[in-house]
Amino acid sequence: MPTYEYECKACGHRFEASHSMSAAPLKTCPECRKDKVVRLIGSGSGLIFKGSGFYATDYRKGGAPPCPSAGSKPSCSGCPGTQH
């Protein structure tokens, strides 16, 4: 279930609530009990993997791409972890 952020326009109280996307937005403030609550537009949260078995390299195909200046004399500042 997604978490939504709300703010009461009467008392300024901000809070979060989790409910299904099909549920109606909350209207009553839990602090002042007035029907002046609005749902705030947020940036959302990142994708969270829960459980064991998720690693940064799980879905990577092959290794890192080769450095484009591997054969040249100047140092390559664009390729992390390489020293030319």
N, C-alpha and C. Protein backbone atom coordinates (compact mmCIF):
# COMPACT_ATOMS: atom_id res chain seq x y z
N MET A 1 0.83 -1.18 0.00
CA MET A 1 0.00 0.00 0.00
C MET A 1 0.88 1.25 0.00
N PRO A 2 0.53 2.21 -0.80
CA PRO A 2 1.32 3.45 -0.82
C PRO A 2 1.08 4.29 0.43
N THR A 3 2.06 5.09 0.74
CA THR A 3 1.98 6.02 1.87
C THR A 3 1.75 7.43 1.33
N TYR A 4 0.75 8.10 1.84
CA TYR A 4 0.40 9.44 1.39
C TYR A 4 0.69 10.44 2.50
N GLU A 5 1.07 11.64 2.13
CA GLU A 5 1.32 12.70 3.10
C GLU A 5 0.15 13.68 3.06
N TYR A 6 -0.31 14.07 4.23
CA TYR A 6 -1.45 14.97 4.37
C TYR A 6 -1.07 16.17 5.21
N GLU A 7 -1.81 17.26 5.01
CA GLU A 7 -1.64 18.46 5.83
C GLU A 7 -3.01 19.04 6.13
N CYS A 8 -3.20 19.43 7.39
CA CYS A 8 -4.44 20.07 7.81
C CYS A 8 -4.31 21.57 7.59
N LYS A 9 -5.22 22.14 6.84
CA LYS A 9 -5.20 23.58 6.58
C LYS A 9 -5.71 24.39 7.78
N ALA A 10 -6.35 23.73 8.71
CA ALA A 10 -6.87 24.43 9.90
C ALA A 10 -5.78 24.61 10.96
N CYS A 11 -5.05 23.53 11.28
CA CYS A 11 -4.07 23.60 12.37
C CYS A 11 -2.63 23.43 11.89
N GLY A 12 -2.41 23.05 10.62
CA GLY A 12 -1.07 22.90 10.10
C GLY A 12 -0.42 21.56 10.38
N HIS A 13 -1.14 20.64 11.01
CA HIS A 13 -0.59 19.32 11.34
C HIS A 13 -0.31 18.54 10.05
N ARG A 14 0.91 17.96 9.96
CA ARG A 14 1.27 17.12 8.81
C ARG A 14 1.43 15.69 9.31
N PHE A 15 0.92 14.75 8.51
CA PHE A 15 1.01 13.35 8.89
C PHE A 15 0.99 12.47 7.64
N GLU A 16 1.35 11.22 7.83
CA GLU A 16 1.35 10.24 6.76
C GLU A 16 0.32 9.17 7.06
N ALA A 17 -0.25 8.61 5.99
CA ALA A 17 -1.21 7.52 6.15
C ALA A 17 -1.03 6.56 4.98
N SER A 18 -1.12 5.26 5.28
CA SER A 18 -1.03 4.24 4.25
C SER A 18 -2.43 3.70 3.97
N HIS A 19 -2.80 3.72 2.71
CA HIS A 19 -4.07 3.11 2.30
C HIS A 19 -4.00 2.79 0.82
N SER A 20 -4.93 1.99 0.34
CA SER A 20 -4.89 1.56 -1.05
C SER A 20 -5.12 2.75 -1.99
N MET A 21 -4.67 2.58 -3.23
CA MET A 21 -4.82 3.67 -4.20
C MET A 21 -6.27 3.91 -4.55
N SER A 22 -7.12 2.92 -4.39
CA SER A 22 -8.53 3.08 -4.72
C SER A 22 -9.34 3.69 -3.57
N ALA A 23 -8.75 3.78 -2.39
CA ALA A 23 -9.45 4.35 -1.23
C ALA A 23 -9.54 5.87 -1.37
N ALA A 24 -10.60 6.42 -0.83
CA ALA A 24 -10.80 7.88 -0.86
C ALA A 24 -9.77 8.55 0.05
N PRO A 25 -9.29 9.74 -0.34
CA PRO A 25 -8.34 10.47 0.51
C PRO A 25 -8.96 10.81 1.87
N LEU A 26 -8.11 10.91 2.89
CA LEU A 26 -8.59 11.28 4.22
C LEU A 26 -9.07 12.72 4.21
N LYS A 27 -10.02 13.02 5.08
CA LYS A 27 -10.57 14.38 5.14
C LYS A 27 -10.49 14.99 6.53
N THR A 28 -10.42 14.16 7.57
CA THR A 28 -10.46 14.64 8.95
C THR A 28 -9.08 14.60 9.57
N CYS A 29 -8.68 15.70 10.20
CA CYS A 29 -7.39 15.80 10.86
C CYS A 29 -7.42 15.02 12.18
N PRO A 30 -6.41 14.18 12.44
CA PRO A 30 -6.40 13.43 13.69
C PRO A 30 -6.10 14.30 14.91
N GLU A 31 -5.58 15.50 14.71
CA GLU A 31 -5.26 16.39 15.83
C GLU A 31 -6.44 17.29 16.22
N CYS A 32 -6.96 18.06 15.24
CA CYS A 32 -8.00 19.03 15.58
C CYS A 32 -9.41 18.56 15.20
N ARG A 33 -9.50 17.42 14.49
CA ARG A 33 -10.78 16.81 14.10
C ARG A 33 -11.60 17.64 13.12
N LYS A 34 -10.97 18.61 12.44
CA LYS A 34 -11.68 19.40 11.44
C LYS A 34 -11.51 18.76 10.08
N ASP A 35 -12.47 18.97 9.20
CA ASP A 35 -12.43 18.41 7.85
C ASP A 35 -11.71 19.36 6.90
N LYS A 36 -10.45 19.65 7.19
CA LYS A 36 -9.66 20.58 6.38
C LYS A 36 -8.36 19.94 5.89
N VAL A 37 -8.34 18.62 5.75
CA VAL A 37 -7.12 17.92 5.36
C VAL A 37 -7.02 17.83 3.84
N VAL A 38 -5.82 18.09 3.33
CA VAL A 38 -5.55 17.93 1.90
C VAL A 38 -4.36 16.98 1.74
N ARG A 39 -4.40 16.20 0.67
CA ARG A 39 -3.29 15.29 0.38
C ARG A 39 -2.25 16.07 -0.40
N LEU A 40 -1.01 15.96 0.04
CA LEU A 40 0.09 16.67 -0.60
C LEU A 40 0.64 15.84 -1.75
N ILE A 41 1.13 16.53 -2.74
CA ILE A 41 1.76 15.86 -3.88
C ILE A 41 3.22 15.64 -3.51
N GLY A 42 3.63 14.41 -3.49
CA GLY A 42 5.01 14.07 -3.12
C GLY A 42 5.76 13.50 -4.30
N SER A 43 7.02 13.29 -4.08
CA SER A 43 7.86 12.72 -5.14
C SER A 43 7.79 11.21 -5.14
N GLY A 44 7.11 10.64 -4.18
CA GLY A 44 7.04 9.19 -4.11
C GLY A 44 8.27 8.62 -3.45
N SER A 45 8.28 7.35 -3.29
CA SER A 45 9.44 6.73 -2.68
C SER A 45 10.14 5.85 -3.71
N GLY A 46 11.37 5.54 -3.43
CA GLY A 46 12.13 4.69 -4.33
C GLY A 46 11.67 3.25 -4.22
N LEU A 47 12.11 2.46 -5.13
CA LEU A 47 11.81 1.04 -5.13
C LEU A 47 12.59 0.36 -4.02
N ILE A 48 11.91 -0.40 -3.21
CA ILE A 48 12.54 -1.07 -2.07
C ILE A 48 12.38 -2.57 -2.25
N PHE A 49 13.50 -3.28 -2.29
CA PHE A 49 13.48 -4.73 -2.33
C PHE A 49 13.60 -5.24 -0.92
N LYS A 50 12.68 -6.10 -0.51
CA LYS A 50 12.73 -6.67 0.82
C LYS A 50 13.02 -8.16 0.71
N GLY A 51 13.79 -8.65 1.62
CA GLY A 51 14.11 -10.07 1.62
C GLY A 51 15.54 -10.32 1.22
N SER A 52 15.94 -11.56 1.29
CA SER A 52 17.33 -11.89 0.95
C SER A 52 17.45 -12.17 -0.54
N GLY A 53 18.65 -12.05 -1.04
CA GLY A 53 18.90 -12.42 -2.43
C GLY A 53 18.96 -11.27 -3.41
N PHE A 54 18.85 -10.05 -2.97
CA PHE A 54 18.92 -8.91 -3.88
C PHE A 54 20.30 -8.27 -3.75
N TYR A 55 21.01 -8.24 -4.84
CA TYR A 55 22.36 -7.69 -4.86
C TYR A 55 22.48 -6.69 -6.00
N ALA A 56 23.41 -5.80 -5.88
CA ALA A 56 23.60 -4.77 -6.90
C ALA A 56 23.99 -5.37 -8.24
N THR A 57 24.56 -6.55 -8.24
CA THR A 57 25.03 -7.16 -9.49
C THR A 57 24.08 -8.22 -10.03
N ASP A 58 22.93 -8.42 -9.44
CA ASP A 58 22.04 -9.51 -9.85
C ASP A 58 21.62 -9.45 -11.31
N TYR A 59 21.26 -8.31 -11.82
CA TYR A 59 20.70 -8.22 -13.16
C TYR A 59 21.66 -7.58 -14.15
N ARG A 60 22.90 -7.49 -13.79
CA ARG A 60 23.89 -6.88 -14.66
C ARG A 60 24.33 -7.89 -15.72
N LYS A 61 24.39 -7.45 -16.94
CA LYS A 61 24.83 -8.33 -18.03
C LYS A 61 26.26 -7.99 -18.36
N GLY A 62 27.16 -8.93 -18.14
CA GLY A 62 28.56 -8.72 -18.44
C GLY A 62 29.22 -7.80 -17.44
N GLY A 63 30.45 -7.47 -17.72
CA GLY A 63 31.20 -6.58 -16.84
C GLY A 63 31.01 -5.13 -17.24
N ALA A 64 31.85 -4.30 -16.70
CA ALA A 64 31.81 -2.88 -17.02
C ALA A 64 32.27 -2.69 -18.46
N PRO A 65 31.76 -1.69 -19.17
CA PRO A 65 32.18 -1.47 -20.54
C PRO A 65 33.65 -1.07 -20.58
N PRO A 66 34.36 -1.42 -21.66
CA PRO A 66 35.78 -1.08 -21.74
C PRO A 66 35.98 0.43 -21.82
N CYS A 67 37.11 0.87 -21.31
CA CYS A 67 37.45 2.29 -21.32
C CYS A 67 37.74 2.70 -22.76
N PRO A 68 37.11 3.78 -23.25
CA PRO A 68 37.32 4.19 -24.63
C PRO A 68 38.74 4.66 -24.92
N SER A 69 39.49 5.09 -23.91
CA SER A 69 40.85 5.57 -24.15
C SER A 69 41.88 4.62 -23.55
N ALA A 70 41.58 3.34 -23.55
CA ALA A 70 42.46 2.36 -22.91
C ALA A 70 43.85 2.31 -23.54
N GLY A 71 43.96 2.60 -24.83
CA GLY A 71 45.26 2.52 -25.48
C GLY A 71 45.96 3.85 -25.61
N SER A 72 45.33 4.92 -25.19
CA SER A 72 45.95 6.24 -25.36
C SER A 72 46.79 6.60 -24.14
N LYS A 73 47.66 7.60 -24.29
CA LYS A 73 48.57 8.00 -23.22
C LYS A 73 47.91 8.87 -22.16
N PRO A 74 46.99 9.80 -22.50
CA PRO A 74 46.41 10.64 -21.44
C PRO A 74 45.61 9.79 -20.45
N SER A 75 45.56 10.28 -19.21
CA SER A 75 44.80 9.55 -18.22
C SER A 75 43.32 9.66 -18.53
N CYS A 76 42.60 8.61 -18.23
CA CYS A 76 41.17 8.57 -18.50
C CYS A 76 40.43 8.97 -17.24
N SER A 77 39.87 10.16 -17.21
CA SER A 77 39.14 10.59 -16.03
C SER A 77 37.68 10.17 -16.10
N GLY A 78 37.23 9.67 -17.23
CA GLY A 78 35.84 9.29 -17.40
C GLY A 78 35.57 7.84 -17.05
N CYS A 79 36.59 7.05 -16.79
CA CYS A 79 36.39 5.64 -16.49
C CYS A 79 36.76 5.38 -15.04
N PRO A 80 35.76 5.10 -14.18
CA PRO A 80 36.07 4.87 -12.77
C PRO A 80 36.88 3.60 -12.58
N GLY A 81 37.82 3.67 -11.67
CA GLY A 81 38.60 2.50 -11.30
C GLY A 81 39.72 2.16 -12.26
N THR A 82 39.98 3.02 -13.24
CA THR A 82 41.06 2.74 -14.17
C THR A 82 42.15 3.78 -14.04
N GLN A 83 43.37 3.36 -14.28
CA GLN A 83 44.49 4.28 -14.24
C GLN A 83 45.31 4.03 -15.49
N HIS A 84 45.27 4.97 -16.42
CA HIS A 84 46.03 4.84 -17.67
C HIS A 84 47.18 5.80 -17.69
